Amino acid sequence: MKTVIKKGLYCALLVGGLSLIGISAANAAEAPNTTGADGIVSGDQVVTDLVARSLSPATPSR
């Protein structure tokens, strides 16, 4: 019984290691092209307007 548990733990460790390798390889892959130029509803996937504001007041209060 002890050897069965030991082999099961080794197998789980092996599968976990292979999963981590797969995750790191997928994370290192290039980002997909999301322009949508060849899609059904062609166009940009996300269009946003970005406005940066200062959080400090224009004139300091005394």
C-alpha atoms as a PDB file:
ATOM      1  CA  MET A   1       0.000   0.000   0.000  1.00  0.00           C
ATOM      2  CA  LYS A   2       2.858   2.344   0.814  1.00  0.00           C
ATOM      3  CA  THR A   3       4.414   1.927  -2.641  1.00  0.00           C
ATOM      4  CA  VAL A   4       1.088   2.650  -4.366  1.00  0.00           C
ATOM      5  CA  ILE A   5       0.766   5.960  -2.512  1.00  0.00           C
ATOM      6  CA  LYS A   6       4.400   6.795  -3.242  1.00  0.00           C
ATOM      7  CA  LYS A   7       3.949   6.116  -6.966  1.00  0.00           C
ATOM      8  CA  GLY A   8       0.727   8.145  -6.972  1.00  0.00           C
ATOM      9  CA  LEU A   9       2.498  11.123  -5.411  1.00  0.00           C
ATOM     10  CA  TYR A  10       5.337  10.867  -7.945  1.00  0.00           C
ATOM     11  CA  CYS A  11       2.787  10.765 -10.751  1.00  0.00           C
ATOM     12  CA  ALA A  12       1.003  13.835  -9.356  1.00  0.00           C
ATOM     13  CA  LEU A  13       4.330  15.646  -9.102  1.00  0.00           C
ATOM     14  CA  LEU A  14       5.174  14.761 -12.703  1.00  0.00           C
ATOM     15  CA  VAL A  15       1.786  15.912 -14.001  1.00  0.00           C
ATOM     16  CA  GLY A  16       2.042  19.142 -12.001  1.00  0.00           C
ATOM     17  CA  GLY A  17       5.503  19.836 -13.418  1.00  0.00           C
ATOM     18  CA  LEU A  18       4.340  19.200 -16.976  1.00  0.00           C
ATOM     19  CA  SER A  19       1.381  21.524 -16.390  1.00  0.00           C
ATOM     20  CA  LEU A  20       3.699  24.297 -15.203  1.00  0.00           C
ATOM     21  CA  ILE A  21       5.890  23.842 -18.269  1.00  0.00           C
ATOM     22  CA  GLY A  22       2.822  24.067 -20.501  1.00  0.00           C
ATOM     23  CA  ILE A  23       1.556  27.175 -18.728  1.00  0.00           C
ATOM     24  CA  SER A  24       4.912  28.926 -19.034  1.00  0.00           C
ATOM     25  CA  ALA A  25       5.156  28.032 -22.735  1.00  0.00           C
ATOM     26  CA  ALA A  26       1.652  29.357 -23.389  1.00  0.00           C
ATOM     27  CA  ASN A  27       2.421  32.538 -21.469  1.00  0.00           C
ATOM     28  CA  ALA A  28       5.571  33.125 -23.526  1.00  0.00           C
ATOM     29  CA  ALA A  29       3.725  32.773 -26.842  1.00  0.00           C
ATOM     30  CA  GLU A  30       3.122  35.864 -28.952  1.00  0.00           C
ATOM     31  CA  ALA A  31      -0.104  37.750 -28.437  1.00  0.00           C
ATOM     32  CA  PRO A  32      -2.769  36.976 -31.027  1.00  0.00           C
ATOM     33  CA  ASN A  33      -3.702  39.511 -33.673  1.00  0.00           C
ATOM     34  CA  THR A  34      -6.913  41.160 -32.450  1.00  0.00           C
ATOM     35  CA  THR A  35      -7.432  43.743 -35.173  1.00  0.00           C
ATOM     36  CA  GLY A  36     -10.401  41.779 -36.414  1.00  0.00           C
ATOM     37  CA  ALA A  37      -9.671  42.672 -40.041  1.00  0.00           C
ATOM     38  CA  ASP A  38     -10.680  39.206 -41.167  1.00  0.00           C
ATOM     39  CA  GLY A  39     -13.536  38.734 -38.733  1.00  0.00           C
ATOM     40  CA  ILE A  40     -17.275  38.625 -39.298  1.00  0.00           C
ATOM     41  CA  VAL A  41     -17.846  42.132 -37.968  1.00  0.00           C
ATOM     42  CA  SER A  42     -14.373  43.443 -38.944  1.00  0.00           C
ATOM     43  CA  GLY A  43     -12.792  46.360 -37.098  1.00  0.00           C
ATOM     44  CA  ASP A  44     -10.926  47.080 -33.896  1.00  0.00           C
ATOM     45  CA  GLN A  45     -11.826  44.938 -30.948  1.00  0.00           C
ATOM     46  CA  VAL A  46     -11.511  47.703 -28.358  1.00  0.00           C
ATOM     47  CA  VAL A  47     -11.677  51.449 -28.868  1.00  0.00           C
ATOM     48  CA  THR A  48     -11.123  53.597 -25.803  1.00  0.00           C
ATOM     49  CA  ASP A  49     -10.442  57.237 -25.028  1.00  0.00           C
ATOM     50  CA  LEU A  50      -7.884  57.754 -22.313  1.00  0.00           C
ATOM     51  CA  VAL A  51      -7.886  61.012 -20.357  1.00  0.00           C
ATOM     52  CA  ALA A  52      -5.231  61.605 -17.716  1.00  0.00           C
ATOM     53  CA  ARG A  53      -6.030  64.037 -14.943  1.00  0.00           C
ATOM     54  CA  SER A  54      -3.874  65.362 -12.170  1.00  0.00           C
ATOM     55  CA  LEU A  55      -5.072  64.538  -8.678  1.00  0.00           C
ATOM     56  CA  SER A  56      -3.324  67.556  -7.138  1.00  0.00           C
ATOM     57  CA  PRO A  57      -5.092  70.949  -7.126  1.00  0.00           C
ATOM     58  CA  ALA A  58      -4.022  73.545  -9.710  1.00  0.00           C
ATOM     59  CA  THR A  59      -3.204  76.121  -7.000  1.00  0.00           C
ATOM     60  CA  PRO A  60      -2.043  75.066  -3.548  1.00  0.00           C
ATOM     61  CA  SER A  61      -4.334  76.073  -0.686  1.00  0.00           C
ATOM     62  CA  ARG A  62      -2.782  77.864   2.278  1.00  0.00           C
END
